[in-house]
Amino acid sequence: MTPGVRRRTQASGQGMMQMVVTFAARATLPEHRHPHEQVTHVISGRLRLILHAGSETHELAAGDSFYLASNVPHAAEAPEDAVVLDTFNPPREDLLARDREVGHH
C-alpha cells in the first residue's frame, strides 16, 4: 500500500470482503476514493480518518467503527501503531487482483 501500511485479505465472497490493515506509528494513507461502501473497525491503536480533503476529521480508538459511503474521498493517519479491520461492499476487485498476482488467494 504505502510505507508503514500493510494489508492482508481475511475473507471475500460475492458481496463483501474483509481485510486487516496494519499501520506503523505515523504512517499515512493518502486521500483516495472508491465506489465501495466501507466499514472501518479499529482493533488496536488509534486511527485518524480525514474526509473531504481535510474538512472532516474523525479520531478512532480501539473498539470504534466508522462507515464510509461510496465515493467519499478519505485518507488515514495513524498517530500510533494500529490494526484495523476494513469491510467492503462489494469486494475490492482491484485489491483481490493484486492478491492473486502475489499468490495470496
PDB file of N, CA and C in Angstrom:
ATOM      1  N   MET A   1       0.841  -1.178   0.000  1.00  0.00           N
ATOM      2  CA  MET A   1       0.000   0.000   0.000  1.00  0.00           C
ATOM      3  C   MET A   1       0.889   1.246   0.000  1.00  0.00           C
ATOM      4  N   THR A   2       1.284   1.731   1.167  1.00  0.00           N
ATOM      5  CA  THR A   2       2.232   2.837   1.274  1.00  0.00           C
ATOM      6  C   THR A   2       3.205   2.471   2.384  1.00  0.00           C
ATOM      7  N   PRO A   3       4.333   3.172   2.522  1.00  0.00           N
ATOM      8  CA  PRO A   3       5.284   2.830   3.581  1.00  0.00           C
ATOM      9  C   PRO A   3       4.616   2.844   4.954  1.00  0.00           C
ATOM     10  N   GLY A   4       4.829   1.771   5.700  1.00  0.00           N
ATOM     11  CA  GLY A   4       4.283   1.663   7.039  1.00  0.00           C
ATOM     12  C   GLY A   4       2.855   1.159   7.102  1.00  0.00           C
ATOM     13  N   VAL A   5       2.268   0.843   5.933  1.00  0.00           N
ATOM     14  CA  VAL A   5       0.899   0.337   5.883  1.00  0.00           C
ATOM     15  C   VAL A   5       0.910  -0.988   5.117  1.00  0.00           C
ATOM     16  N   ARG A   6       0.399  -2.029   5.784  1.00  0.00           N
ATOM     17  CA  ARG A   6       0.315  -3.355   5.142  1.00  0.00           C
ATOM     18  C   ARG A   6      -1.111  -3.857   5.253  1.00  0.00           C
ATOM     19  N   ARG A   7      -1.515  -4.657   4.290  1.00  0.00           N
ATOM     20  CA  ARG A   7      -2.864  -5.220   4.326  1.00  0.00           C
ATOM     21  C   ARG A   7      -2.827  -6.709   4.031  1.00  0.00           C
ATOM     22  N   ARG A   8      -3.841  -7.404   4.529  1.00  0.00           N
ATOM     23  CA  ARG A   8      -3.980  -8.838   4.271  1.00  0.00           C
ATOM     24  C   ARG A   8      -5.476  -9.133   4.169  1.00  0.00           C
ATOM     25  N   THR A   9      -5.903  -9.707   3.052  1.00  0.00           N
ATOM     26  CA  THR A   9      -7.300 -10.088   2.891  1.00  0.00           C
ATOM     27  C   THR A   9      -7.610 -11.237   3.836  1.00  0.00           C
ATOM     28  N   GLN A  10      -8.680 -11.088   4.596  1.00  0.00           N
ATOM     29  CA  GLN A  10      -9.113 -12.117   5.539  1.00  0.00           C
ATOM     30  C   GLN A  10     -10.114 -13.062   4.896  1.00  0.00           C
ATOM     31  N   ALA A  11     -11.117 -12.496   4.227  1.00  0.00           N
ATOM     32  CA  ALA A  11     -12.170 -13.291   3.604  1.00  0.00           C
ATOM     33  C   ALA A  11     -12.812 -12.467   2.509  1.00  0.00           C
ATOM     34  N   SER A  12     -13.326 -13.157   1.492  1.00  0.00           N
ATOM     35  CA  SER A  12     -14.053 -12.452   0.441  1.00  0.00           C
ATOM     36  C   SER A  12     -15.111 -13.379  -0.136  1.00  0.00           C
ATOM     37  N   GLY A  13     -16.191 -12.786  -0.579  1.00  0.00           N
ATOM     38  CA  GLY A  13     -17.280 -13.518  -1.203  1.00  0.00           C
ATOM     39  C   GLY A  13     -17.830 -12.690  -2.329  1.00  0.00           C
ATOM     40  N   GLN A  14     -19.011 -13.033  -2.800  1.00  0.00           N
ATOM     41  CA  GLN A  14     -19.578 -12.306  -3.922  1.00  0.00           C
ATOM     42  C   GLN A  14     -20.009 -10.896  -3.542  1.00  0.00           C
ATOM     43  N   GLY A  15     -20.442 -10.688  -2.292  1.00  0.00           N
ATOM     44  CA  GLY A  15     -20.997  -9.404  -1.929  1.00  0.00           C
ATOM     45  C   GLY A  15     -20.147  -8.541  -1.023  1.00  0.00           C
ATOM     46  N   MET A  16     -19.125  -9.129  -0.378  1.00  0.00           N
ATOM     47  CA  MET A  16     -18.307  -8.332   0.538  1.00  0.00           C
ATOM     48  C   MET A  16     -16.944  -8.967   0.724  1.00  0.00           C
ATOM     49  N   MET A  17     -16.054  -8.191   1.323  1.00  0.00           N
ATOM     50  CA  MET A  17     -14.723  -8.702   1.670  1.00  0.00           C
ATOM     51  C   MET A  17     -14.245  -8.009   2.930  1.00  0.00           C
ATOM     52  N   GLN A  18     -13.319  -8.669   3.629  1.00  0.00           N
ATOM     53  CA  GLN A  18     -12.678  -8.075   4.797  1.00  0.00           C
ATOM     54  C   GLN A  18     -11.180  -8.185   4.642  1.00  0.00           C
ATOM     55  N   MET A  19     -10.494  -7.155   5.155  1.00  0.00           N
ATOM     56  CA  MET A  19      -9.038  -7.197   5.193  1.00  0.00           C
ATOM     57  C   MET A  19      -8.556  -6.540   6.476  1.00  0.00           C
ATOM     58  N   VAL A  20      -7.412  -7.010   6.944  1.00  0.00           N
ATOM     59  CA  VAL A  20      -6.750  -6.421   8.096  1.00  0.00           C
ATOM     60  C   VAL A  20      -5.679  -5.483   7.574  1.00  0.00           C
ATOM     61  N   VAL A  21      -5.674  -4.270   8.092  1.00  0.00           N
ATOM     62  CA  VAL A  21      -4.674  -3.276   7.701  1.00  0.00           C
ATOM     63  C   VAL A  21      -3.865  -2.933   8.944  1.00  0.00           C
ATOM     64  N   THR A  22      -2.546  -3.022   8.821  1.00  0.00           N
ATOM     65  CA  THR A  22      -1.637  -2.725   9.928  1.00  0.00           C
ATOM     66  C   THR A  22      -0.908  -1.426   9.610  1.00  0.00           C
ATOM     67  N   PHE A  23      -1.017  -0.460  10.516  1.00  0.00           N
ATOM     68  CA  PHE A  23      -0.363   0.838  10.372  1.00  0.00           C
ATOM     69  C   PHE A  23       0.764   0.943  11.381  1.00  0.00           C
ATOM     70  N   ALA A  24       1.949   1.317  10.931  1.00  0.00           N
ATOM     71  CA  ALA A  24       3.023   1.695  11.846  1.00  0.00           C
ATOM     72  C   ALA A  24       2.734   3.113  12.334  1.00  0.00           C
ATOM     73  N   ALA A  25       3.243   3.449  13.499  1.00  0.00           N
ATOM     74  CA  ALA A  25       3.052   4.801  14.041  1.00  0.00           C
ATOM     75  C   ALA A  25       3.467   5.847  13.009  1.00  0.00           C
ATOM     76  N   ARG A  26       2.652   6.858  12.828  1.00  0.00           N
ATOM     77  CA  ARG A  26       2.854   7.988  11.925  1.00  0.00           C
ATOM     78  C   ARG A  26       2.706   7.633  10.442  1.00  0.00           C
ATOM     79  N   ALA A  27       2.270   6.414  10.126  1.00  0.00           N
ATOM     80  CA  ALA A  27       2.033   6.046   8.723  1.00  0.00           C
ATOM     81  C   ALA A  27       0.769   6.738   8.226  1.00  0.00           C
ATOM     82  N   THR A  28       0.758   7.027   6.931  1.00  0.00           N
ATOM     83  CA  THR A  28      -0.400   7.685   6.330  1.00  0.00           C
ATOM     84  C   THR A  28      -0.847   6.931   5.085  1.00  0.00           C
ATOM     85  N   LEU A  29      -2.114   7.022   4.822  1.00  0.00           N
ATOM     86  CA  LEU A  29      -2.699   6.509   3.590  1.00  0.00           C
ATOM     87  C   LEU A  29      -3.264   7.726   2.870  1.00  0.00           C
ATOM     88  N   PRO A  30      -2.741   8.051   1.685  1.00  0.00           N
ATOM     89  CA  PRO A  30      -3.167   9.272   1.010  1.00  0.00           C
ATOM     90  C   PRO A  30      -4.652   9.255   0.640  1.00  0.00           C
ATOM     91  N   GLU A  31      -5.177  10.440   0.401  1.00  0.00           N
ATOM     92  CA  GLU A  31      -6.592  10.536   0.037  1.00  0.00           C
ATOM     93  C   GLU A  31      -6.879   9.723  -1.215  1.00  0.00           C
ATOM     94  N   HIS A  32      -7.990   9.012  -1.158  1.00  0.00           N
ATOM     95  CA  HIS A  32      -8.446   8.207  -2.283  1.00  0.00           C
ATOM     96  C   HIS A  32      -9.965   8.048  -2.160  1.00  0.00           C
ATOM     97  N   ARG A  33     -10.557   7.466  -3.149  1.00  0.00           N
ATOM     98  CA  ARG A  33     -11.990   7.173  -3.120  1.00  0.00           C
ATOM     99  C   ARG A  33     -12.220   5.917  -3.951  1.00  0.00           C
ATOM    100  N   HIS A  34     -13.316   5.253  -3.674  1.00  0.00           N
ATOM    101  CA  HIS A  34     -13.686   4.049  -4.412  1.00  0.00           C
ATOM    102  C   HIS A  34     -15.200   3.894  -4.356  1.00  0.00           C
ATOM    103  N   PRO A  35     -15.768   3.153  -5.296  1.00  0.00           N
ATOM    104  CA  PRO A  35     -17.225   3.014  -5.345  1.00  0.00           C
ATOM    105  C   PRO A  35     -17.792   2.078  -4.273  1.00  0.00           C
ATOM    106  N   HIS A  36     -16.930   1.493  -3.478  1.00  0.00           N
ATOM    107  CA  HIS A  36     -17.353   0.517  -2.467  1.00  0.00           C
ATOM    108  C   HIS A  36     -17.757   1.205  -1.168  1.00  0.00           C
ATOM    109  N   GLU A  37     -18.784   0.684  -0.504  1.00  0.00           N
ATOM    110  CA  GLU A  37     -19.061   1.078   0.870  1.00  0.00           C
ATOM    111  C   GLU A  37     -17.969   0.453   1.734  1.00  0.00           C
ATOM    112  N   GLN A  38     -17.629   1.109   2.831  1.00  0.00           N
ATOM    113  CA  GLN A  38     -16.552   0.614   3.689  1.00  0.00           C
ATOM    114  C   GLN A  38     -16.927   0.832   5.148  1.00  0.00           C
ATOM    115  N   VAL A  39     -16.671  -0.187   5.961  1.00  0.00           N
ATOM    116  CA  VAL A  39     -16.758  -0.045   7.407  1.00  0.00           C
ATOM    117  C   VAL A  39     -15.363  -0.304   7.947  1.00  0.00           C
ATOM    118  N   THR A  40     -14.837   0.658   8.687  1.00  0.00           N
ATOM    119  CA  THR A  40     -13.521   0.542   9.315  1.00  0.00           C
ATOM    120  C   THR A  40     -13.727   0.320  10.807  1.00  0.00           C
ATOM    121  N   HIS A  41     -13.105  -0.731  11.324  1.00  0.00           N
ATOM    122  CA  HIS A  41     -13.175  -1.041  12.752  1.00  0.00           C
ATOM    123  C   HIS A  41     -11.754  -1.095  13.298  1.00  0.00           C
ATOM    124  N   VAL A  42     -11.456  -0.294  14.310  1.00  0.00           N
ATOM    125  CA  VAL A  42     -10.114  -0.265  14.898  1.00  0.00           C
ATOM    126  C   VAL A  42     -10.010  -1.371  15.940  1.00  0.00           C
ATOM    127  N   ILE A  43      -9.107  -2.299  15.693  1.00  0.00           N
ATOM    128  CA  ILE A  43      -8.876  -3.419  16.617  1.00  0.00           C
ATOM    129  C   ILE A  43      -7.952  -2.979  17.742  1.00  0.00           C
ATOM    130  N   SER A  44      -6.876  -2.278  17.377  1.00  0.00           N
ATOM    131  CA  SER A  44      -5.951  -1.765  18.392  1.00  0.00           C
ATOM    132  C   SER A  44      -5.320  -0.476  17.889  1.00  0.00           C
ATOM    133  N   GLY A  45      -4.868   0.342  18.836  1.00  0.00           N
ATOM    134  CA  GLY A  45      -4.249   1.617  18.492  1.00  0.00           C
ATOM    135  C   GLY A  45      -5.287   2.691  18.199  1.00  0.00           C
ATOM    136  N   ARG A  46      -4.835   3.714  17.465  1.00  0.00           N
ATOM    137  CA  ARG A  46      -5.697   4.839  17.109  1.00  0.00           C
ATOM    138  C   ARG A  46      -5.527   5.149  15.635  1.00  0.00           C
ATOM    139  N   LEU A  47      -6.596   5.642  15.020  1.00  0.00           N
ATOM    140  CA  LEU A  47      -6.589   5.997  13.606  1.00  0.00           C
ATOM    141  C   LEU A  47      -7.356   7.297  13.430  1.00  0.00           C
ATOM    142  N   ARG A  48      -6.820   8.167  12.600  1.00  0.00           N
ATOM    143  CA  ARG A  48      -7.494   9.426  12.250  1.00  0.00           C
ATOM    144  C   ARG A  48      -7.964   9.302  10.801  1.00  0.00           C
ATOM    145  N   LEU A  49      -9.275   9.377  10.594  1.00  0.00           N
ATOM    146  CA  LEU A  49      -9.839   9.390   9.246  1.00  0.00           C
ATOM    147  C   LEU A  49     -10.085  10.830   8.837  1.00  0.00           C
ATOM    148  N   ILE A  50      -9.623  11.191   7.663  1.00  0.00           N
ATOM    149  CA  ILE A  50      -9.728  12.556   7.157  1.00  0.00           C
ATOM    150  C   ILE A  50     -10.573  12.489   5.889  1.00  0.00           C
ATOM    151  N   LEU A  51     -11.726  13.137   5.921  1.00  0.00           N
ATOM    152  CA  LEU A  51     -12.671  13.086   4.809  1.00  0.00           C
ATOM    153  C   LEU A  51     -12.742  14.423   4.094  1.00  0.00           C
ATOM    154  N   HIS A  52     -13.103  14.357   2.815  1.00  0.00           N
ATOM    155  CA  HIS A  52     -13.382  15.558   2.019  1.00  0.00           C
ATOM    156  C   HIS A  52     -12.235  16.569   2.077  1.00  0.00           C
ATOM    157  N   ALA A  53     -11.025  16.110   1.745  1.00  0.00           N
ATOM    158  CA  ALA A  53      -9.842  16.987   1.663  1.00  0.00           C
ATOM    159  C   ALA A  53      -9.581  17.747   2.964  1.00  0.00           C
ATOM    160  N   GLY A  54      -9.835  17.092   4.091  1.00  0.00           N
ATOM    161  CA  GLY A  54      -9.496  17.680   5.374  1.00  0.00           C
ATOM    162  C   GLY A  54     -10.605  18.460   6.038  1.00  0.00           C
ATOM    163  N   SER A  55     -11.766  18.558   5.407  1.00  0.00           N
ATOM    164  CA  SER A  55     -12.837  19.344   6.010  1.00  0.00           C
ATOM    165  C   SER A  55     -13.565  18.592   7.131  1.00  0.00           C
ATOM    166  N   GLU A  56     -13.314  17.302   7.255  1.00  0.00           N
ATOM    167  CA  GLU A  56     -13.960  16.497   8.299  1.00  0.00           C
ATOM    168  C   GLU A  56     -12.949  15.475   8.818  1.00  0.00           C
ATOM    169  N   THR A  57     -12.756  15.433  10.122  1.00  0.00           N
ATOM    170  CA  THR A  57     -11.798  14.514  10.734  1.00  0.00           C
ATOM    171  C   THR A  57     -12.488  13.712  11.826  1.00  0.00           C
ATOM    172  N   HIS A  58     -12.158  12.421  11.880  1.00  0.00           N
ATOM    173  CA  HIS A  58     -12.718  11.530  12.905  1.00  0.00           C
ATOM    174  C   HIS A  58     -11.571  10.791  13.584  1.00  0.00           C
ATOM    175  N   GLU A  59     -11.507  10.909  14.896  1.00  0.00           N
ATOM    176  CA  GLU A  59     -10.494  10.223  15.696  1.00  0.00           C
ATOM    177  C   GLU A  59     -11.094   8.913  16.196  1.00  0.00           C
ATOM    178  N   LEU A  60     -10.487   7.797  15.833  1.00  0.00           N
ATOM    179  CA  LEU A  60     -10.988   6.485  16.221  1.00  0.00           C
ATOM    180  C   LEU A  60      -9.982   5.788  17.124  1.00  0.00           C
ATOM    181  N   ALA A  61     -10.478   5.102  18.139  1.00  0.00           N
ATOM    182  CA  ALA A  61      -9.643   4.324  19.059  1.00  0.00           C
ATOM    183  C   ALA A  61     -10.102   2.871  19.006  1.00  0.00           C
ATOM    184  N   ALA A  62      -9.359   2.002  19.654  1.00  0.00           N
ATOM    185  CA  ALA A  62      -9.687   0.578  19.678  1.00  0.00           C
ATOM    186  C   ALA A  62     -11.146   0.393  20.076  1.00  0.00           C
ATOM    187  N   GLY A  63     -11.866  -0.397  19.287  1.00  0.00           N
ATOM    188  CA  GLY A  63     -13.273  -0.656  19.532  1.00  0.00           C
ATOM    189  C   GLY A  63     -14.212   0.233  18.738  1.00  0.00           C
ATOM    190  N   ASP A  64     -13.700   1.320  18.140  1.00  0.00           N
ATOM    191  CA  ASP A  64     -14.535   2.233  17.355  1.00  0.00           C
ATOM    192  C   ASP A  64     -14.675   1.743  15.915  1.00  0.00           C
ATOM    193  N   SER A  65     -15.836   2.024  15.327  1.00  0.00           N
ATOM    194  CA  SER A  65     -16.098   1.721  13.919  1.00  0.00           C
ATOM    195  C   SER A  65     -16.586   2.981  13.224  1.00  0.00           C
ATOM    196  N   PHE A  66     -16.385   3.022  11.898  1.00  0.00           N
ATOM    197  CA  PHE A  66     -16.827   4.172  11.120  1.00  0.00           C
ATOM    198  C   PHE A  66     -17.280   3.689   9.751  1.00  0.00           C
ATOM    199  N   TYR A  67     -18.429   4.190   9.289  1.00  0.00           N
ATOM    200  CA  TYR A  67     -18.975   3.854   7.978  1.00  0.00           C
ATOM    201  C   TYR A  67     -18.597   4.931   6.965  1.00  0.00           C
ATOM    202  N   LEU A  68     -18.081   4.496   5.819  1.00  0.00           N
ATOM    203  CA  LEU A  68     -17.775   5.395   4.703  1.00  0.00           C
ATOM    204  C   LEU A  68     -18.670   5.017   3.530  1.00  0.00           C
ATOM    205  N   ALA A  69     -19.452   5.964   3.057  1.00  0.00           N
ATOM    206  CA  ALA A  69     -20.317   5.724   1.904  1.00  0.00           C
ATOM    207  C   ALA A  69     -19.472   5.640   0.628  1.00  0.00           C
ATOM    208  N   SER A  70     -20.082   5.159  -0.409  1.00  0.00           N
ATOM    209  CA  SER A  70     -19.441   5.037  -1.720  1.00  0.00           C
ATOM    210  C   SER A  70     -18.911   6.386  -2.194  1.00  0.00           C
ATOM    211  N   ASN A  71     -17.692   6.375  -2.740  1.00  0.00           N
ATOM    212  CA  ASN A  71     -17.052   7.534  -3.376  1.00  0.00           C
ATOM    213  C   ASN A  71     -16.770   8.718  -2.462  1.00  0.00           C
ATOM    214  N   VAL A  72     -16.729   8.518  -1.157  1.00  0.00           N
ATOM    215  CA  VAL A  72     -16.343   9.586  -0.237  1.00  0.00           C
ATOM    216  C   VAL A  72     -14.813   9.682  -0.227  1.00  0.00           C
ATOM    217  N   PRO A  73     -14.235  10.840  -0.585  1.00  0.00           N
ATOM    218  CA  PRO A  73     -12.787  10.971  -0.522  1.00  0.00           C
ATOM    219  C   PRO A  73     -12.323  10.890   0.931  1.00  0.00           C
ATOM    220  N   HIS A  74     -11.314  10.037   1.159  1.00  0.00           N
ATOM    221  CA  HIS A  74     -10.826   9.847   2.528  1.00  0.00           C
ATOM    222  C   HIS A  74      -9.351   9.481   2.537  1.00  0.00           C
ATOM    223  N   ALA A  75      -8.714   9.828   3.662  1.00  0.00           N
ATOM    224  CA  ALA A  75      -7.316   9.498   3.922  1.00  0.00           C
ATOM    225  C   ALA A  75      -7.262   8.995   5.360  1.00  0.00           C
ATOM    226  N   ALA A  76      -6.109   8.438   5.742  1.00  0.00           N
ATOM    227  CA  ALA A  76      -5.964   7.949   7.112  1.00  0.00           C
ATOM    228  C   ALA A  76      -4.561   8.233   7.616  1.00  0.00           C
ATOM    229  N   GLU A  77      -4.477   8.511   8.913  1.00  0.00           N
ATOM    230  CA  GLU A  77      -3.194   8.703   9.600  1.00  0.00           C
ATOM    231  C   GLU A  77      -3.245   7.890  10.888  1.00  0.00           C
ATOM    232  N   ALA A  78      -2.127   7.293  11.241  1.00  0.00           N
ATOM    233  CA  ALA A  78      -2.040   6.532  12.487  1.00  0.00           C
ATOM    234  C   ALA A  78      -1.097   7.254  13.446  1.00  0.00           C
ATOM    235  N   PRO A  79      -1.623   7.876  14.501  1.00  0.00           N
ATOM    236  CA  PRO A  79      -0.754   8.546  15.460  1.00  0.00           C
ATOM    237  C   PRO A  79       0.119   7.569  16.244  1.00  0.00           C
ATOM    238  N   GLU A  80      -0.286   6.295  16.252  1.00  0.00           N
ATOM    239  CA  GLU A  80       0.480   5.224  16.915  1.00  0.00           C
ATOM    240  C   GLU A  80       0.229   3.950  16.127  1.00  0.00           C
ATOM    241  N   ASP A  81       0.956   2.881  16.445  1.00  0.00           N
ATOM    242  CA  ASP A  81       0.707   1.603  15.782  1.00  0.00           C
ATOM    243  C   ASP A  81      -0.775   1.270  15.884  1.00  0.00           C
ATOM    244  N   ALA A  82      -1.346   0.778  14.795  1.00  0.00           N
ATOM    245  CA  ALA A  82      -2.774   0.464  14.787  1.00  0.00           C
ATOM    246  C   ALA A  82      -3.039  -0.750  13.911  1.00  0.00           C
ATOM    247  N   VAL A  83      -4.065  -1.499  14.287  1.00  0.00           N
ATOM    248  CA  VAL A  83      -4.561  -2.607  13.483  1.00  0.00           C
ATOM    249  C   VAL A  83      -6.045  -2.347  13.242  1.00  0.00           C
ATOM    250  N   VAL A  84      -6.439  -2.424  11.970  1.00  0.00           N
ATOM    251  CA  VAL A  84      -7.782  -2.054  11.552  1.00  0.00           C
ATOM    252  C   VAL A  84      -8.381  -3.193  10.733  1.00  0.00           C
ATOM    253  N   LEU A  85      -9.663  -3.454  10.911  1.00  0.00           N
ATOM    254  CA  LEU A  85     -10.406  -4.398  10.083  1.00  0.00           C
ATOM    255  C   LEU A  85     -11.300  -3.587   9.162  1.00  0.00           C
ATOM    256  N   ASP A  86     -11.075  -3.701   7.855  1.00  0.00           N
ATOM    257  CA  ASP A  86     -11.885  -2.996   6.860  1.00  0.00           C
ATOM    258  C   ASP A  86     -12.793  -3.990   6.151  1.00  0.00           C
ATOM    259  N   THR A  87     -14.068  -3.642   6.041  1.00  0.00           N
ATOM    260  CA  THR A  87     -15.047  -4.455   5.322  1.00  0.00           C
ATOM    261  C   THR A  87     -15.573  -3.632   4.160  1.00  0.00           C
ATOM    262  N   PHE A  88     -15.617  -4.239   2.970  1.00  0.00           N
ATOM    263  CA  PHE A  88     -16.041  -3.545   1.754  1.00  0.00           C
ATOM    264  C   PHE A  88     -17.221  -4.258   1.118  1.00  0.00           C
ATOM    265  N   ASN A  89     -18.128  -3.462   0.549  1.00  0.00           N
ATOM    266  CA  ASN A  89     -19.241  -3.976  -0.229  1.00  0.00           C
ATOM    267  C   ASN A  89     -19.355  -3.127  -1.483  1.00  0.00           C
ATOM    268  N   PRO A  90     -19.284  -3.689  -2.685  1.00  0.00           N
ATOM    269  CA  PRO A  90     -18.901  -5.065  -2.970  1.00  0.00           C
ATOM    270  C   PRO A  90     -17.403  -5.263  -2.752  1.00  0.00           C
ATOM    271  N   PRO A  91     -16.891  -6.472  -2.979  1.00  0.00           N
ATOM    272  CA  PRO A  91     -15.454  -6.708  -2.794  1.00  0.00           C
ATOM    273  C   PRO A  91     -14.612  -5.769  -3.663  1.00  0.00           C
ATOM    274  N   ARG A  92     -13.426  -5.446  -3.157  1.00  0.00           N
ATOM    275  CA  ARG A  92     -12.467  -4.612  -3.898  1.00  0.00           C
ATOM    276  C   ARG A  92     -11.728  -5.498  -4.894  1.00  0.00           C
ATOM    277  N   GLU A  93     -12.243  -5.590  -6.099  1.00  0.00           N
ATOM    278  CA  GLU A  93     -11.626  -6.448  -7.110  1.00  0.00           C
ATOM    279  C   GLU A  93     -10.191  -6.023  -7.419  1.00  0.00           C
ATOM    280  N   ASP A  94      -9.893  -4.719  -7.308  1.00  0.00           N
ATOM    281  CA  ASP A  94      -8.529  -4.250  -7.553  1.00  0.00           C
ATOM    282  C   ASP A  94      -7.557  -4.864  -6.548  1.00  0.00           C
ATOM    283  N   LEU A  95      -7.956  -4.919  -5.277  1.00  0.00           N
ATOM    284  CA  LEU A  95      -7.077  -5.492  -4.256  1.00  0.00           C
ATOM    285  C   LEU A  95      -7.024  -7.012  -4.359  1.00  0.00           C
ATOM    286  N   LEU A  96      -8.143  -7.649  -4.675  1.00  0.00           N
ATOM    287  CA  LEU A  96      -8.155  -9.100  -4.841  1.00  0.00           C
ATOM    288  C   LEU A  96      -7.285  -9.514  -6.029  1.00  0.00           C
ATOM    289  N   ALA A  97      -7.256  -8.697  -7.101  1.00  0.00           N
ATOM    290  CA  ALA A  97      -6.397  -8.996  -8.253  1.00  0.00           C
ATOM    291  C   ALA A  97      -4.929  -8.927  -7.844  1.00  0.00           C
ATOM    292  N   ARG A  98      -4.572  -7.950  -6.992  1.00  0.00           N
ATOM    293  CA  ARG A  98      -3.181  -7.878  -6.508  1.00  0.00           C
ATOM    294  C   ARG A  98      -2.845  -9.095  -5.653  1.00  0.00           C
ATOM    295  N   ASP A  99      -3.802  -9.535  -4.831  1.00  0.00           N
ATOM    296  CA  ASP A  99      -3.592 -10.752  -4.047  1.00  0.00           C
ATOM    297  C   ASP A  99      -3.273 -11.934  -4.945  1.00  0.00           C
ATOM    298  N   ARG A 100      -4.040 -12.071  -6.042  1.00  0.00           N
ATOM    299  CA  ARG A 100      -3.810 -13.186  -6.971  1.00  0.00           C
ATOM    300  C   ARG A 100      -2.439 -13.081  -7.618  1.00  0.00           C
ATOM    301  N   GLU A 101      -2.008 -11.849  -7.946  1.00  0.00           N
ATOM    302  CA  GLU A 101      -0.696 -11.639  -8.585  1.00  0.00           C
ATOM    303  C   GLU A 101       0.442 -12.129  -7.700  1.00  0.00           C
ATOM    304  N   VAL A 102       0.316 -11.911  -6.402  1.00  0.00           N
ATOM    305  CA  VAL A 102       1.400 -12.303  -5.480  1.00  0.00           C
ATOM    306  C   VAL A 102       1.134 -13.644  -4.825  1.00  0.00           C
ATOM    307  N   GLY A 103       0.040 -14.312  -5.245  1.00  0.00           N
ATOM    308  CA  GLY A 103      -0.225 -15.668  -4.769  1.00  0.00           C
ATOM    309  C   GLY A 103      -0.841 -15.784  -3.403  1.00  0.00           C
ATOM    310  N   HIS A 104      -1.560 -14.737  -2.952  1.00  0.00           N
ATOM    311  CA  HIS A 104      -2.193 -14.807  -1.635  1.00  0.00           C
ATOM    312  C   HIS A 104      -3.580 -15.428  -1.687  1.00  0.00           C
ATOM    313  N   HIS A 105      -4.237 -15.421  -2.828  1.00  0.00           N
ATOM    314  CA  HIS A 105      -5.570 -16.031  -2.956  1.00  0.00           C
ATOM    315  C   HIS A 105      -5.756 -16.613  -4.309  1.00  0.00           C
TER     316      HIS A 105
END
